[in-house]
Amino acid sequence: MKRPIDLKSISKIIFWIPFALPLIALLKAVLTWVEASAKIQTAADTLFIIFVFALIAFNIYAWAQRKKMEPPKTRS
């Protein structure tokens, strides 16, 4: 039997998307503005990609920790 979709966690993710996207865009803009040469731009792009993957990894880790803390579901 399929487990029902947890709308509460999905709504939390949807709630934070509008806040996360401008922050990521702002970081990208700052890294681009700091550029002084092609090497620094490449480094800025690399740092940005690393930052995005770290953010995704942290969110997966936090989700797993929350999942681990949930009490086991009991049958009624």
N, C-alpha and C. Protein backbone atom coordinates (compact mmCIF):
# COMPACT_ATOMS: atom_id res chain seq x y z
N MET A 1 0.84 -1.19 0.00
CA MET A 1 0.00 0.00 0.00
C MET A 1 0.88 1.25 0.00
N LYS A 2 0.52 2.22 -0.83
CA LYS A 2 1.30 3.44 -0.90
C LYS A 2 1.06 4.29 0.33
N ARG A 3 2.16 4.96 0.77
CA ARG A 3 2.01 5.89 1.88
C ARG A 3 1.45 7.20 1.34
N PRO A 4 0.59 7.86 2.10
CA PRO A 4 0.05 9.14 1.62
C PRO A 4 1.15 10.20 1.55
N ILE A 5 0.99 11.13 0.65
CA ILE A 5 1.95 12.22 0.50
C ILE A 5 1.79 13.17 1.68
N ASP A 6 2.91 13.53 2.28
CA ASP A 6 2.89 14.44 3.42
C ASP A 6 2.82 15.88 2.91
N LEU A 7 1.62 16.43 2.90
CA LEU A 7 1.41 17.77 2.35
C LEU A 7 2.06 18.85 3.21
N LYS A 8 2.22 18.57 4.49
CA LYS A 8 2.83 19.57 5.38
C LYS A 8 4.28 19.84 4.99
N SER A 9 5.05 18.78 4.75
CA SER A 9 6.46 18.97 4.38
C SER A 9 6.57 19.58 2.98
N ILE A 10 5.69 19.19 2.07
CA ILE A 10 5.71 19.77 0.73
C ILE A 10 5.39 21.26 0.79
N SER A 11 4.43 21.63 1.64
CA SER A 11 4.08 23.05 1.74
C SER A 11 5.23 23.85 2.34
N LYS A 12 6.01 23.24 3.26
CA LYS A 12 7.17 23.93 3.82
C LYS A 12 8.21 24.19 2.73
N ILE A 13 8.45 23.19 1.89
CA ILE A 13 9.42 23.34 0.79
C ILE A 13 8.96 24.44 -0.16
N ILE A 14 7.68 24.40 -0.53
CA ILE A 14 7.13 25.40 -1.44
C ILE A 14 7.21 26.79 -0.81
N PHE A 15 6.99 26.87 0.50
CA PHE A 15 7.05 28.16 1.20
C PHE A 15 8.44 28.77 1.12
N TRP A 16 9.50 27.95 1.24
CA TRP A 16 10.87 28.48 1.28
C TRP A 16 11.46 28.75 -0.09
N ILE A 17 10.89 28.20 -1.17
CA ILE A 17 11.45 28.41 -2.51
C ILE A 17 11.55 29.89 -2.87
N PRO A 18 10.52 30.71 -2.64
CA PRO A 18 10.66 32.13 -3.00
C PRO A 18 11.77 32.85 -2.23
N PHE A 19 12.11 32.37 -1.04
CA PHE A 19 13.18 32.99 -0.27
C PHE A 19 14.55 32.49 -0.73
N ALA A 20 14.64 31.22 -1.10
CA ALA A 20 15.93 30.63 -1.46
C ALA A 20 16.41 31.10 -2.84
N LEU A 21 15.52 31.19 -3.80
CA LEU A 21 15.93 31.55 -5.16
C LEU A 21 16.54 32.95 -5.24
N PRO A 22 15.94 33.99 -4.63
CA PRO A 22 16.60 35.30 -4.68
C PRO A 22 17.95 35.32 -3.97
N LEU A 23 18.08 34.54 -2.90
CA LEU A 23 19.38 34.48 -2.21
C LEU A 23 20.44 33.85 -3.11
N ILE A 24 20.08 32.80 -3.81
CA ILE A 24 21.02 32.16 -4.72
C ILE A 24 21.37 33.12 -5.86
N ALA A 25 20.36 33.80 -6.39
CA ALA A 25 20.62 34.77 -7.47
C ALA A 25 21.49 35.92 -6.97
N LEU A 26 21.26 36.35 -5.73
CA LEU A 26 22.07 37.43 -5.16
C LEU A 26 23.52 36.98 -5.01
N LEU A 27 23.73 35.76 -4.53
CA LEU A 27 25.08 35.24 -4.40
C LEU A 27 25.77 35.18 -5.76
N LYS A 28 25.05 34.71 -6.76
CA LYS A 28 25.61 34.65 -8.12
C LYS A 28 25.97 36.05 -8.62
N ALA A 29 25.09 37.01 -8.35
CA ALA A 29 25.36 38.39 -8.78
C ALA A 29 26.59 38.96 -8.08
N VAL A 30 26.72 38.69 -6.78
CA VAL A 30 27.88 39.18 -6.04
C VAL A 30 29.16 38.55 -6.57
N LEU A 31 29.14 37.23 -6.79
CA LEU A 31 30.33 36.56 -7.31
C LEU A 31 30.69 37.08 -8.71
N THR A 32 29.69 37.38 -9.51
CA THR A 32 29.95 37.92 -10.85
C THR A 32 30.52 39.33 -10.76
N TRP A 33 29.98 40.13 -9.84
CA TRP A 33 30.42 41.51 -9.68
C TRP A 33 31.87 41.59 -9.20
N VAL A 34 32.27 40.60 -8.40
CA VAL A 34 33.61 40.59 -7.83
C VAL A 34 34.65 40.23 -8.89
N GLU A 35 34.19 39.70 -10.01
CA GLU A 35 35.14 39.24 -11.02
C GLU A 35 36.10 40.34 -11.47
N ALA A 36 37.36 39.97 -11.64
CA ALA A 36 38.36 40.91 -12.14
C ALA A 36 38.99 40.36 -13.42
N SER A 37 38.88 39.05 -13.61
CA SER A 37 39.44 38.45 -14.81
C SER A 37 38.68 37.16 -15.11
N ALA A 38 39.03 36.53 -16.20
CA ALA A 38 38.36 35.28 -16.57
C ALA A 38 38.62 34.19 -15.54
N LYS A 39 39.82 34.21 -14.94
CA LYS A 39 40.14 33.20 -13.93
C LYS A 39 39.25 33.36 -12.71
N ILE A 40 39.07 34.60 -12.27
CA ILE A 40 38.23 34.83 -11.09
C ILE A 40 36.78 34.48 -11.41
N GLN A 41 36.33 34.77 -12.63
CA GLN A 41 34.96 34.43 -13.02
C GLN A 41 34.78 32.91 -12.97
N THR A 42 35.76 32.17 -13.48
CA THR A 42 35.68 30.71 -13.44
C THR A 42 35.65 30.23 -11.99
N ALA A 43 36.48 30.84 -11.16
CA ALA A 43 36.49 30.48 -9.74
C ALA A 43 35.16 30.82 -9.09
N ALA A 44 34.58 31.96 -9.46
CA ALA A 44 33.29 32.36 -8.90
C ALA A 44 32.20 31.36 -9.31
N ASP A 45 32.22 30.96 -10.58
CA ASP A 45 31.24 29.96 -11.04
C ASP A 45 31.43 28.64 -10.30
N THR A 46 32.67 28.24 -10.10
CA THR A 46 32.95 27.00 -9.38
C THR A 46 32.46 27.09 -7.94
N LEU A 47 32.75 28.21 -7.29
CA LEU A 47 32.27 28.41 -5.91
C LEU A 47 30.75 28.39 -5.85
N PHE A 48 30.11 29.00 -6.83
CA PHE A 48 28.65 29.02 -6.86
C PHE A 48 28.10 27.61 -7.00
N ILE A 49 28.67 26.82 -7.89
CA ILE A 49 28.21 25.44 -8.08
C ILE A 49 28.43 24.63 -6.80
N ILE A 50 29.59 24.81 -6.16
CA ILE A 50 29.86 24.11 -4.91
C ILE A 50 28.85 24.53 -3.85
N PHE A 51 28.54 25.83 -3.78
CA PHE A 51 27.57 26.33 -2.80
C PHE A 51 26.20 25.71 -3.03
N VAL A 52 25.75 25.64 -4.29
CA VAL A 52 24.44 25.08 -4.58
C VAL A 52 24.39 23.59 -4.20
N PHE A 53 25.44 22.84 -4.54
CA PHE A 53 25.44 21.42 -4.17
C PHE A 53 25.51 21.24 -2.66
N ALA A 54 26.26 22.10 -1.97
CA ALA A 54 26.30 22.02 -0.50
C ALA A 54 24.93 22.32 0.09
N LEU A 55 24.23 23.29 -0.49
CA LEU A 55 22.89 23.63 -0.02
C LEU A 55 21.94 22.45 -0.21
N ILE A 56 22.01 21.81 -1.36
CA ILE A 56 21.16 20.64 -1.63
C ILE A 56 21.51 19.51 -0.67
N ALA A 57 22.81 19.26 -0.48
CA ALA A 57 23.24 18.18 0.43
C ALA A 57 22.77 18.47 1.86
N PHE A 58 22.89 19.71 2.29
CA PHE A 58 22.45 20.06 3.64
C PHE A 58 20.95 19.86 3.80
N ASN A 59 20.17 20.23 2.78
CA ASN A 59 18.72 20.03 2.86
C ASN A 59 18.36 18.56 2.90
N ILE A 60 19.06 17.72 2.15
CA ILE A 60 18.81 16.28 2.20
C ILE A 60 19.18 15.74 3.57
N TYR A 61 20.31 16.18 4.12
CA TYR A 61 20.73 15.75 5.45
C TYR A 61 19.71 16.18 6.51
N ALA A 62 19.25 17.43 6.45
CA ALA A 62 18.28 17.92 7.43
C ALA A 62 16.97 17.15 7.31
N TRP A 63 16.56 16.84 6.08
CA TRP A 63 15.34 16.06 5.88
C TRP A 63 15.48 14.67 6.49
N ALA A 64 16.65 14.04 6.29
CA ALA A 64 16.89 12.71 6.84
C ALA A 64 16.89 12.75 8.37
N GLN A 65 17.45 13.80 8.95
CA GLN A 65 17.46 13.92 10.40
C GLN A 65 16.04 14.09 10.93
N ARG A 66 15.23 14.90 10.26
CA ARG A 66 13.83 15.08 10.68
C ARG A 66 13.08 13.76 10.55
N LYS A 67 13.34 13.04 9.48
CA LYS A 67 12.66 11.76 9.25
C LYS A 67 13.03 10.77 10.35
N LYS A 68 14.30 10.81 10.77
CA LYS A 68 14.76 9.89 11.81
C LYS A 68 14.09 10.20 13.15
N MET A 69 13.78 11.47 13.40
CA MET A 69 13.20 11.89 14.67
C MET A 69 11.71 11.59 14.78
N GLU A 70 11.06 11.35 13.64
CA GLU A 70 9.62 11.08 13.67
C GLU A 70 9.36 9.78 14.42
N PRO A 71 8.30 9.77 15.25
CA PRO A 71 7.96 8.51 15.92
C PRO A 71 7.47 7.50 14.89
N PRO A 72 7.73 6.22 15.14
CA PRO A 72 7.28 5.22 14.18
C PRO A 72 5.76 5.21 14.06
N LYS A 73 5.27 4.99 12.87
CA LYS A 73 3.83 4.96 12.65
C LYS A 73 3.28 3.63 13.16
N THR A 74 2.20 3.71 13.89
CA THR A 74 1.59 2.50 14.43
C THR A 74 0.28 2.22 13.71
N ARG A 75 -0.01 0.96 13.57
CA ARG A 75 -1.28 0.58 12.94
C ARG A 75 -2.39 0.66 13.97
N SER A 76 -3.56 1.11 13.53
CA SER A 76 -4.67 1.19 14.48
C SER A 76 -5.72 0.15 14.18
